[in-house]
C-alpha atoms as a PDB file:
ATOM      1  CA  MET A   1     127.080 293.372 111.491  1.00  0.00           C
ATOM      2  CA  ARG A   2     125.268 294.485 108.814  1.00  0.00           C
ATOM      3  CA  LEU A   3     126.084 291.604 106.786  1.00  0.00           C
ATOM      4  CA  LEU A   4     124.735 289.436 109.461  1.00  0.00           C
ATOM      5  CA  ILE A   5     121.344 291.056 109.542  1.00  0.00           C
ATOM      6  CA  LEU A   6     121.211 290.944 105.666  1.00  0.00           C
ATOM      7  CA  CYS A   7     122.163 287.322 105.448  1.00  0.00           C
ATOM      8  CA  THR A   8     119.417 286.680 108.230  1.00  0.00           C
ATOM      9  CA  THR A   9     117.071 288.640 106.627  1.00  0.00           C
ATOM     10  CA  LEU A  10     117.329 286.842 103.201  1.00  0.00           C
ATOM     11  CA  LEU A  11     117.319 283.405 104.714  1.00  0.00           C
ATOM     12  CA  SER A  12     114.143 283.767 106.498  1.00  0.00           C
ATOM     13  CA  SER A  13     112.494 285.591 103.622  1.00  0.00           C
ATOM     14  CA  LEU A  14     113.299 282.025 101.830  1.00  0.00           C
ATOM     15  CA  ALA A  15     112.500 279.899 104.681  1.00  0.00           C
ATOM     16  CA  LEU A  16     108.632 282.171 104.288  1.00  0.00           C
ATOM     17  CA  ILE A  17     108.624 281.348 100.623  1.00  0.00           C
ATOM     18  CA  GLY A  18     109.836 277.755 100.749  1.00  0.00           C
ATOM     19  CA  CYS A  19     106.555 277.578 103.010  1.00  0.00           C
ATOM     20  CA  HIS A  20     103.838 278.552 100.898  1.00  0.00           C
ATOM     21  CA  ALA A  21     101.097 275.672 100.767  1.00  0.00           C
ATOM     22  CA  SER A  22     100.189 275.581  97.104  1.00  0.00           C
ATOM     23  CA  PRO A  23      96.594 273.786  97.049  1.00  0.00           C
ATOM     24  CA  PRO A  24      96.721 270.021  96.776  1.00  0.00           C
ATOM     25  CA  SER A  25      96.138 268.513  93.113  1.00  0.00           C
ATOM     26  CA  TYR A  26      93.599 265.774  93.577  1.00  0.00           C
ATOM     27  CA  PRO A  27      94.135 262.908  90.772  1.00  0.00           C
ATOM     28  CA  GLU A  28      90.681 263.050  88.432  1.00  0.00           C
ATOM     29  CA  GLU A  29      88.283 260.403  89.185  1.00  0.00           C
ATOM     30  CA  LEU A  30      87.260 258.004  86.511  1.00  0.00           C
ATOM     31  CA  GLY A  31      83.513 257.686  85.456  1.00  0.00           C
ATOM     32  CA  PRO A  32      80.237 259.811  85.727  1.00  0.00           C
ATOM     33  CA  ALA A  33      80.127 260.416  89.545  1.00  0.00           C
ATOM     34  CA  LYS A  34      81.038 263.894  90.778  1.00  0.00           C
ATOM     35  CA  PHE A  35      82.974 263.595  94.153  1.00  0.00           C
ATOM     36  CA  HIS A  36      83.441 266.274  96.620  1.00  0.00           C
ATOM     37  CA  ARG A  37      86.407 266.503  99.279  1.00  0.00           C
ATOM     38  CA  ASP A  38      84.618 269.674 101.459  1.00  0.00           C
ATOM     39  CA  LEU A  39      82.088 268.230 103.786  1.00  0.00           C
ATOM     40  CA  THR A  40      80.533 271.258 103.956  1.00  0.00           C
ATOM     41  CA  GLN A  41      79.586 271.882 100.549  1.00  0.00           C
ATOM     42  CA  ALA A  42      78.394 268.049 100.180  1.00  0.00           C
ATOM     43  CA  THR A  43      76.347 268.661 103.261  1.00  0.00           C
ATOM     44  CA  GLN A  44      74.543 271.635 101.490  1.00  0.00           C
ATOM     45  CA  LEU A  45      74.319 269.699  97.852  1.00  0.00           C
ATOM     46  CA  SER A  46      72.775 267.108 100.014  1.00  0.00           C
ATOM     47  CA  LYS A  47      69.840 268.777 101.738  1.00  0.00           C
ATOM     48  CA  GLN A  48      69.626 270.897  97.708  1.00  0.00           C
ATOM     49  CA  SER A  49      69.270 267.577  96.035  1.00  0.00           C
ATOM     50  CA  ASN A  50      67.545 265.366  98.983  1.00  0.00           C
ATOM     51  CA  LYS A  51      70.230 262.764  98.332  1.00  0.00           C
ATOM     52  CA  PRO A  52      72.162 261.147 101.102  1.00  0.00           C
ATOM     53  CA  ILE A  53      75.691 261.454 102.000  1.00  0.00           C
ATOM     54  CA  PHE A  54      78.352 258.727 100.652  1.00  0.00           C
ATOM     55  CA  ALA A  55      81.637 259.412 102.592  1.00  0.00           C
ATOM     56  CA  LEU A  56      84.655 257.315 101.807  1.00  0.00           C
ATOM     57  CA  PHE A  57      87.775 256.946 104.342  1.00  0.00           C
ATOM     58  CA  GLN A  58      90.498 256.365 102.581  1.00  0.00           C
ATOM     59  CA  GLU A  59      93.890 255.059 104.846  1.00  0.00           C
ATOM     60  CA  VAL A  60      96.987 256.980 103.575  1.00  0.00           C
ATOM     61  CA  PRO A  61     100.001 254.590 104.034  1.00  0.00           C
ATOM     62  CA  GLY A  62     103.077 256.310 105.782  1.00  0.00           C
END
């Protein structure tokens, strides 16, 4: 019975470790333009600099 509990605990721990999401790595954009991926931050910067927001929606296949 102890072996069953130990194995269950070990497998549960490994499953939780595997589920930890790392931050996504985005490809580096080319050129002098700075792109933001956080709408809240982009909105704040837009208000501060008095510039409009350009939104690009890309379809991810699959």
